[in-house]
C-alpha atoms as a PDB file:
ATOM      1  CA  MET A   1      56.119  38.261   6.553  1.00  0.00           C
ATOM      2  CA  ARG A   2      57.584  34.788   7.046  1.00  0.00           C
ATOM      3  CA  LYS A   3      54.085  33.294   7.113  1.00  0.00           C
ATOM      4  CA  GLN A   4      53.173  35.138   3.908  1.00  0.00           C
ATOM      5  CA  ASN A   5      56.339  33.880   2.185  1.00  0.00           C
ATOM      6  CA  TYR A   6      55.553  30.329   3.255  1.00  0.00           C
ATOM      7  CA  LYS A   7      52.046  30.574   1.815  1.00  0.00           C
ATOM      8  CA  SER A   8      53.479  31.950  -1.419  1.00  0.00           C
ATOM      9  CA  LEU A   9      55.847  28.978  -1.689  1.00  0.00           C
ATOM     10  CA  LEU A  10      52.997  26.603  -0.894  1.00  0.00           C
ATOM     11  CA  LEU A  11      50.900  28.190  -3.628  1.00  0.00           C
ATOM     12  CA  THR A  12      53.705  27.760  -6.157  1.00  0.00           C
ATOM     13  CA  ALA A  13      54.176  24.105  -5.198  1.00  0.00           C
ATOM     14  CA  SER A  14      50.442  23.384  -5.348  1.00  0.00           C
ATOM     15  CA  ALA A  15      50.117  25.185  -8.669  1.00  0.00           C
ATOM     16  CA  LEU A  16      53.057  23.236 -10.061  1.00  0.00           C
ATOM     17  CA  PHE A  17      51.283  19.988  -9.208  1.00  0.00           C
ATOM     18  CA  ILE A  18      48.020  21.116 -10.811  1.00  0.00           C
ATOM     19  CA  LEU A  19      49.707  22.505 -13.925  1.00  0.00           C
ATOM     20  CA  THR A  20      51.607  19.254 -14.380  1.00  0.00           C
ATOM     21  CA  ALA A  21      48.371  17.270 -14.070  1.00  0.00           C
ATOM     22  CA  CYS A  22      46.650  19.514 -16.607  1.00  0.00           C
ATOM     23  CA  ASN A  23      49.487  19.398 -19.135  1.00  0.00           C
ATOM     24  CA  GLY A  24      50.393  15.736 -19.375  1.00  0.00           C
ATOM     25  CA  GLY A  25      53.384  15.775 -17.041  1.00  0.00           C
ATOM     26  CA  THR A  26      55.144  18.924 -18.246  1.00  0.00           C
ATOM     27  CA  THR A  27      54.999  22.371 -16.672  1.00  0.00           C
ATOM     28  CA  ASN A  28      56.221  24.278 -19.758  1.00  0.00           C
ATOM     29  CA  ASN A  29      57.870  26.945 -17.578  1.00  0.00           C
ATOM     30  CA  TYR A  30      54.495  28.085 -16.224  1.00  0.00           C
ATOM     31  CA  THR A  31      55.792  28.689 -12.709  1.00  0.00           C
ATOM     32  CA  ASN A  32      58.455  31.195 -13.732  1.00  0.00           C
ATOM     33  CA  ASN A  33      57.056  34.441 -12.310  1.00  0.00           C
ATOM     34  CA  THR A  34      59.234  36.659 -14.514  1.00  0.00           C
ATOM     35  CA  ILE A  35      58.464  35.560 -18.052  1.00  0.00           C
ATOM     36  CA  VAL A  36      59.687  38.146 -20.554  1.00  0.00           C
ATOM     37  CA  ASP A  37      57.610  39.628 -23.396  1.00  0.00           C
ATOM     38  CA  CYS A  38      54.284  38.297 -22.161  1.00  0.00           C
ATOM     39  CA  GLN A  39      51.444  39.745 -24.249  1.00  0.00           C
ATOM     40  CA  LEU A  40      48.686  38.546 -21.900  1.00  0.00           C
ATOM     41  CA  PRO A  41      47.160  40.462 -18.966  1.00  0.00           C
ATOM     42  CA  THR A  42      49.010  40.407 -15.661  1.00  0.00           C
ATOM     43  CA  PHE A  43      47.404  38.420 -12.855  1.00  0.00           C
ATOM     44  CA  THR A  44      47.234  40.615  -9.739  1.00  0.00           C
ATOM     45  CA  PRO A  45      46.026  39.991  -6.162  1.00  0.00           C
ATOM     46  CA  GLU A  46      43.044  42.217  -6.921  1.00  0.00           C
ATOM     47  CA  ILE A  47      42.097  40.050  -9.899  1.00  0.00           C
ATOM     48  CA  GLY A  48      42.479  36.931  -7.762  1.00  0.00           C
ATOM     49  CA  SER A  49      40.217  38.302  -5.028  1.00  0.00           C
ATOM     50  CA  TYR A  50      37.648  39.313  -7.631  1.00  0.00           C
ATOM     51  CA  LEU A  51      37.695  35.867  -9.260  1.00  0.00           C
ATOM     52  CA  LEU A  52      37.201  34.154  -5.899  1.00  0.00           C
ATOM     53  CA  THR A  53      34.243  36.399  -5.094  1.00  0.00           C
ATOM     54  CA  GLN A  54      32.837  35.834  -8.585  1.00  0.00           C
ATOM     55  CA  TRP A  55      33.154  32.052  -8.129  1.00  0.00           C
ATOM     56  CA  GLY A  56      31.323  32.242  -4.792  1.00  0.00           C
ATOM     57  CA  ASN A  57      28.530  34.324  -6.311  1.00  0.00           C
ATOM     58  CA  SER A  58      28.296  31.799  -9.137  1.00  0.00           C
ATOM     59  CA  VAL A  59      27.985  28.922  -6.648  1.00  0.00           C
ATOM     60  CA  GLN A  60      24.955  30.626  -5.177  1.00  0.00           C
ATOM     61  CA  ALA A  61      23.453  31.716  -8.506  1.00  0.00           C
ATOM     62  CA  TYR A  62      23.564  28.209 -10.024  1.00  0.00           C
ATOM     63  CA  SER A  63      22.224  26.389  -6.960  1.00  0.00           C
ATOM     64  CA  PRO A  64      18.662  25.017  -7.293  1.00  0.00           C
ATOM     65  CA  ALA A  65      17.311  27.575  -4.821  1.00  0.00           C
ATOM     66  CA  ASN A  66      18.240  30.438  -7.159  1.00  0.00           C
ATOM     67  CA  TYR A  67      18.571  28.992 -10.664  1.00  0.00           C
ATOM     68  CA  SER A  68      15.595  29.485 -12.984  1.00  0.00           C
ATOM     69  CA  GLY A  69      13.712  26.195 -13.146  1.00  0.00           C
ATOM     70  CA  GLY A  70      15.646  24.795 -10.195  1.00  0.00           C
ATOM     71  CA  ASP A  71      17.087  21.867 -12.194  1.00  0.00           C
ATOM     72  CA  VAL A  72      20.534  21.169 -10.748  1.00  0.00           C
ATOM     73  CA  TYR A  73      21.191  18.650 -13.547  1.00  0.00           C
ATOM     74  CA  VAL A  74      21.259  21.619 -15.915  1.00  0.00           C
ATOM     75  CA  SER A  75      22.567  24.400 -13.679  1.00  0.00           C
ATOM     76  CA  ALA A  76      25.617  22.388 -12.569  1.00  0.00           C
ATOM     77  CA  GLY A  77      26.805  22.092 -16.153  1.00  0.00           C
ATOM     78  CA  TYR A  78      26.451  25.786 -16.838  1.00  0.00           C
ATOM     79  CA  PHE A  79      28.270  26.515 -13.590  1.00  0.00           C
ATOM     80  CA  ALA A  80      31.178  24.336 -14.723  1.00  0.00           C
ATOM     81  CA  MET A  81      31.278  25.864 -18.214  1.00  0.00           C
ATOM     82  CA  THR A  82      31.090  29.426 -16.880  1.00  0.00           C
ATOM     83  CA  ASN A  83      33.969  29.081 -14.422  1.00  0.00           C
ATOM     84  CA  TYR A  84      36.322  26.344 -15.691  1.00  0.00           C
ATOM     85  CA  ILE A  85      38.199  25.613 -18.916  1.00  0.00           C
ATOM     86  CA  PRO A  86      37.276  22.358 -20.719  1.00  0.00           C
ATOM     87  CA  ASP A  87      40.270  20.362 -19.406  1.00  0.00           C
ATOM     88  CA  ALA A  88      40.244  21.699 -15.841  1.00  0.00           C
ATOM     89  CA  VAL A  89      41.219  19.482 -12.906  1.00  0.00           C
ATOM     90  CA  LEU A  90      39.224  19.501  -9.656  1.00  0.00           C
ATOM     91  CA  LEU A  91      40.167  17.934  -6.318  1.00  0.00           C
ATOM     92  CA  PRO A  92      36.835  18.666  -4.623  1.00  0.00           C
ATOM     93  CA  THR A  93      35.830  19.613  -1.099  1.00  0.00           C
ATOM     94  CA  VAL A  94      33.296  16.880  -0.354  1.00  0.00           C
ATOM     95  CA  SER A  95      34.527  13.989  -2.497  1.00  0.00           C
ATOM     96  CA  SER A  96      37.672  11.853  -2.596  1.00  0.00           C
ATOM     97  CA  ILE A  97      37.494  11.453  -6.391  1.00  0.00           C
ATOM     98  CA  GLN A  98      39.523  13.715  -8.697  1.00  0.00           C
ATOM     99  CA  ARG A  99      37.506  15.196 -11.575  1.00  0.00           C
ATOM    100  CA  GLU A 100      38.941  16.149 -14.960  1.00  0.00           C
ATOM    101  CA  GLY A 101      37.101  17.928 -17.771  1.00  0.00           C
ATOM    102  CA  THR A 102      33.707  19.576 -18.041  1.00  0.00           C
ATOM    103  CA  GLN A 103      31.601  16.406 -17.850  1.00  0.00           C
ATOM    104  CA  GLU A 104      33.262  15.098 -14.686  1.00  0.00           C
ATOM    105  CA  LEU A 105      33.143  18.519 -13.035  1.00  0.00           C
ATOM    106  CA  TYR A 106      29.469  18.730 -13.964  1.00  0.00           C
ATOM    107  CA  GLU A 107      28.793  15.383 -12.280  1.00  0.00           C
ATOM    108  CA  TYR A 108      30.403  16.548  -9.034  1.00  0.00           C
ATOM    109  CA  PHE A 109      28.622  19.883  -8.975  1.00  0.00           C
ATOM    110  CA  THR A 110      25.204  18.249  -9.381  1.00  0.00           C
ATOM    111  CA  HIS A 111      25.786  16.981  -5.829  1.00  0.00           C
ATOM    112  CA  PHE A 112      27.533  20.037  -4.379  1.00  0.00           C
ATOM    113  CA  LEU A 113      25.137  22.666  -5.735  1.00  0.00           C
ATOM    114  CA  ALA A 114      22.160  20.585  -4.553  1.00  0.00           C
ATOM    115  CA  LEU A 115      23.226  21.565  -1.018  1.00  0.00           C
ATOM    116  CA  ASN A 116      22.459  25.220  -1.905  1.00  0.00           C
ATOM    117  CA  PRO A 117      25.860  26.348  -0.571  1.00  0.00           C
ATOM    118  CA  VAL A 118      26.603  29.971   0.285  1.00  0.00           C
ATOM    119  CA  MET A 119      30.293  30.909   0.301  1.00  0.00           C
ATOM    120  CA  SER A 120      31.914  33.443   2.589  1.00  0.00           C
ATOM    121  CA  ILE A 121      35.513  34.515   3.226  1.00  0.00           C
ATOM    122  CA  PRO A 122      36.434  34.348   6.946  1.00  0.00           C
ATOM    123  CA  ASN A 123      39.581  36.475   6.610  1.00  0.00           C
ATOM    124  CA  ALA A 124      40.449  37.952   3.229  1.00  0.00           C
ATOM    125  CA  GLU A 125      43.916  38.996   4.426  1.00  0.00           C
ATOM    126  CA  SER A 126      44.889  35.346   4.916  1.00  0.00           C
ATOM    127  CA  ASN A 127      44.377  34.577   1.216  1.00  0.00           C
ATOM    128  CA  VAL A 128      47.348  34.875  -1.161  1.00  0.00           C
ATOM    129  CA  PHE A 129      47.070  35.525  -4.918  1.00  0.00           C
ATOM    130  CA  GLU A 130      49.952  35.971  -7.350  1.00  0.00           C
ATOM    131  CA  GLN A 131      51.035  35.571 -10.952  1.00  0.00           C
ATOM    132  CA  LEU A 132      52.493  32.144 -11.760  1.00  0.00           C
ATOM    133  CA  GLY A 133      53.746  32.872 -15.263  1.00  0.00           C
ATOM    134  CA  CYS A 134      52.587  34.343 -18.548  1.00  0.00           C
ATOM    135  CA  GLY A 135      48.827  33.880 -18.687  1.00  0.00           C
ATOM    136  CA  TYR A 136      48.646  32.017 -15.377  1.00  0.00           C
ATOM    137  CA  GLY A 137      47.809  33.026 -11.821  1.00  0.00           C
ATOM    138  CA  GLY A 138      46.835  31.343  -8.600  1.00  0.00           C
ATOM    139  CA  GLY A 139      45.680  31.718  -5.056  1.00  0.00           C
ATOM    140  CA  ASN A 140      45.328  29.821  -1.825  1.00  0.00           C
ATOM    141  CA  GLY A 141      43.540  30.476   1.430  1.00  0.00           C
ATOM    142  CA  TYR A 142      40.316  29.772   3.249  1.00  0.00           C
ATOM    143  CA  TYR A 143      36.590  29.913   2.584  1.00  0.00           C
ATOM    144  CA  ASP A 144      33.444  28.788   4.385  1.00  0.00           C
ATOM    145  CA  PHE A 145      30.203  27.331   3.063  1.00  0.00           C
ATOM    146  CA  VAL A 146      26.812  27.390   4.723  1.00  0.00           C
ATOM    147  CA  ILE A 147      24.937  24.413   3.299  1.00  0.00           C
ATOM    148  CA  ASN A 148      21.214  23.661   3.406  1.00  0.00           C
ATOM    149  CA  SER A 149      20.650  27.208   4.633  1.00  0.00           C
ATOM    150  CA  GLY A 150      17.338  27.799   6.387  1.00  0.00           C
ATOM    151  CA  THR A 151      16.644  24.110   6.976  1.00  0.00           C
ATOM    152  CA  LEU A 152      16.975  21.847  10.011  1.00  0.00           C
ATOM    153  CA  SER A 153      20.121  20.366   8.457  1.00  0.00           C
ATOM    154  CA  GLU A 154      21.892  23.725   8.027  1.00  0.00           C
ATOM    155  CA  SER A 155      25.606  23.531   8.787  1.00  0.00           C
ATOM    156  CA  THR A 156      28.859  25.341   8.053  1.00  0.00           C
ATOM    157  CA  VAL A 157      31.838  23.779   6.293  1.00  0.00           C
ATOM    158  CA  HIS A 158      35.249  25.373   6.863  1.00  0.00           C
ATOM    159  CA  ALA A 159      37.612  24.654   3.978  1.00  0.00           C
ATOM    160  CA  ARG A 160      40.889  25.672   2.357  1.00  0.00           C
ATOM    161  CA  PHE A 161      41.559  26.133  -1.344  1.00  0.00           C
ATOM    162  CA  THR A 162      44.143  26.405  -4.081  1.00  0.00           C
ATOM    163  CA  PHE A 163      43.016  27.847  -7.414  1.00  0.00           C
ATOM    164  CA  VAL A 164      45.096  28.014 -10.589  1.00  0.00           C
ATOM    165  CA  TYR A 165      43.772  30.318 -13.311  1.00  0.00           C
ATOM    166  CA  LYS A 166      44.547  30.486 -17.009  1.00  0.00           C
ATOM    167  CA  TYR A 167      43.913  33.435 -19.288  1.00  0.00           C
ATOM    168  CA  GLU A 168      42.116  32.356 -22.455  1.00  0.00           C
ATOM    169  CA  SER A 169      42.878  34.894 -25.181  1.00  0.00           C
ATOM    170  CA  GLN A 170      40.301  33.558 -27.661  1.00  0.00           C
ATOM    171  CA  PRO A 171      36.615  32.641 -27.315  1.00  0.00           C
ATOM    172  CA  PHE A 172      36.124  28.932 -26.647  1.00  0.00           C
ATOM    173  CA  THR A 173      33.194  26.530 -26.570  1.00  0.00           C
ATOM    174  CA  GLU A 174      32.579  23.663 -24.182  1.00  0.00           C
ATOM    175  CA  SER A 175      29.663  21.308 -23.613  1.00  0.00           C
ATOM    176  CA  PHE A 176      28.201  18.660 -21.340  1.00  0.00           C
ATOM    177  CA  THR A 177      25.561  15.945 -21.555  1.00  0.00           C
ATOM    178  CA  VAL A 178      22.707  16.135 -19.046  1.00  0.00           C
ATOM    179  CA  GLU A 179      22.798  12.937 -16.988  1.00  0.00           C
ATOM    180  CA  SER A 180      19.441  13.068 -15.208  1.00  0.00           C
ATOM    181  CA  GLY A 181      16.248  15.066 -14.796  1.00  0.00           C
ATOM    182  CA  ALA A 182      13.816  16.382 -17.381  1.00  0.00           C
ATOM    183  CA  SER A 183      16.566  17.184 -19.913  1.00  0.00           C
ATOM    184  CA  VAL A 184      18.447  13.879 -19.607  1.00  0.00           C
ATOM    185  CA  GLY A 185      20.492  13.035 -22.710  1.00  0.00           C
ATOM    186  CA  GLN A 186      20.520  16.574 -24.068  1.00  0.00           C
ATOM    187  CA  ILE A 187      23.845  18.191 -24.970  1.00  0.00           C
ATOM    188  CA  LYS A 188      24.247  21.728 -23.675  1.00  0.00           C
ATOM    189  CA  ALA A 189      26.969  24.012 -25.025  1.00  0.00           C
ATOM    190  CA  GLN A 190      28.255  27.472 -24.228  1.00  0.00           C
ATOM    191  CA  THR A 191      30.786  29.813 -25.833  1.00  0.00           C
ATOM    192  CA  ASN A 192      32.856  31.829 -23.378  1.00  0.00           C
ATOM    193  CA  ALA A 193      34.525  35.178 -23.982  1.00  0.00           C
ATOM    194  CA  PRO A 194      38.272  35.667 -23.455  1.00  0.00           C
ATOM    195  CA  GLY A 195      39.249  36.048 -19.816  1.00  0.00           C
ATOM    196  CA  TRP A 196      40.507  34.302 -16.688  1.00  0.00           C
ATOM    197  CA  TYR A 197      39.151  30.799 -16.056  1.00  0.00           C
ATOM    198  CA  ILE A 198      39.916  28.065 -13.550  1.00  0.00           C
ATOM    199  CA  LEU A 199      42.479  25.545 -14.755  1.00  0.00           C
ATOM    200  CA  GLY A 200      42.792  23.692 -11.454  1.00  0.00           C
ATOM    201  CA  GLN A 201      41.186  23.717  -8.026  1.00  0.00           C
ATOM    202  CA  HIS A 202      42.113  21.832  -4.876  1.00  0.00           C
ATOM    203  CA  SER A 203      39.695  22.195  -1.972  1.00  0.00           C
ATOM    204  CA  SER A 204      39.563  20.332   1.328  1.00  0.00           C
ATOM    205  CA  ILE A 205      37.716  20.527   4.634  1.00  0.00           C
ATOM    206  CA  LEU A 206      39.806  21.938   7.466  1.00  0.00           C
ATOM    207  CA  PRO A 207      40.883  19.393  10.095  1.00  0.00           C
ATOM    208  CA  VAL A 208      39.029  19.662  13.399  1.00  0.00           C
ATOM    209  CA  ASN A 209      42.230  19.858  15.454  1.00  0.00           C
ATOM    210  CA  ASN A 210      45.115  22.300  15.030  1.00  0.00           C
END
């Protein structure tokens, strides 16, 4: 129980940092777990687990090995638009550079998805998901990625994550500009339905030593 409480506090602290980064230095009371008269859906652990699984399935679906046409310079943008809000913040797993907004997330995922990663959850019980305020939720824990599966360079990356989700109550449109490949220079856009989307993500490779 003590370990679970610690992880819950860590999630709140991490979410506070991400929410501040996404909202120009103000948290706007987003980390108050008992906001009164909220008209938006409640974020539950079950929703959090589902969203993590959905994100992992999306990683695989938009990788060049599975995406129709195999053009990662297109698929990476649709991956970003499908999972993240337009002003999302990403502290990525395999890069030291923070990304903000659809275009910068797209640029990172052109490299990450090119590795054809396959996500798995080593121990679902170690992951913690909870509501962070009205229209906000979050989770932290562990996931693994098999990269370059089926090749001589296949390897497994063990990583930890913090996700912060925001519920968008209205449809919204976002876009990106293709930076390379056959469609270079084209602007791609997508309108998303209301629902839970990633506002912030912090992911890092686990240290080798305890």
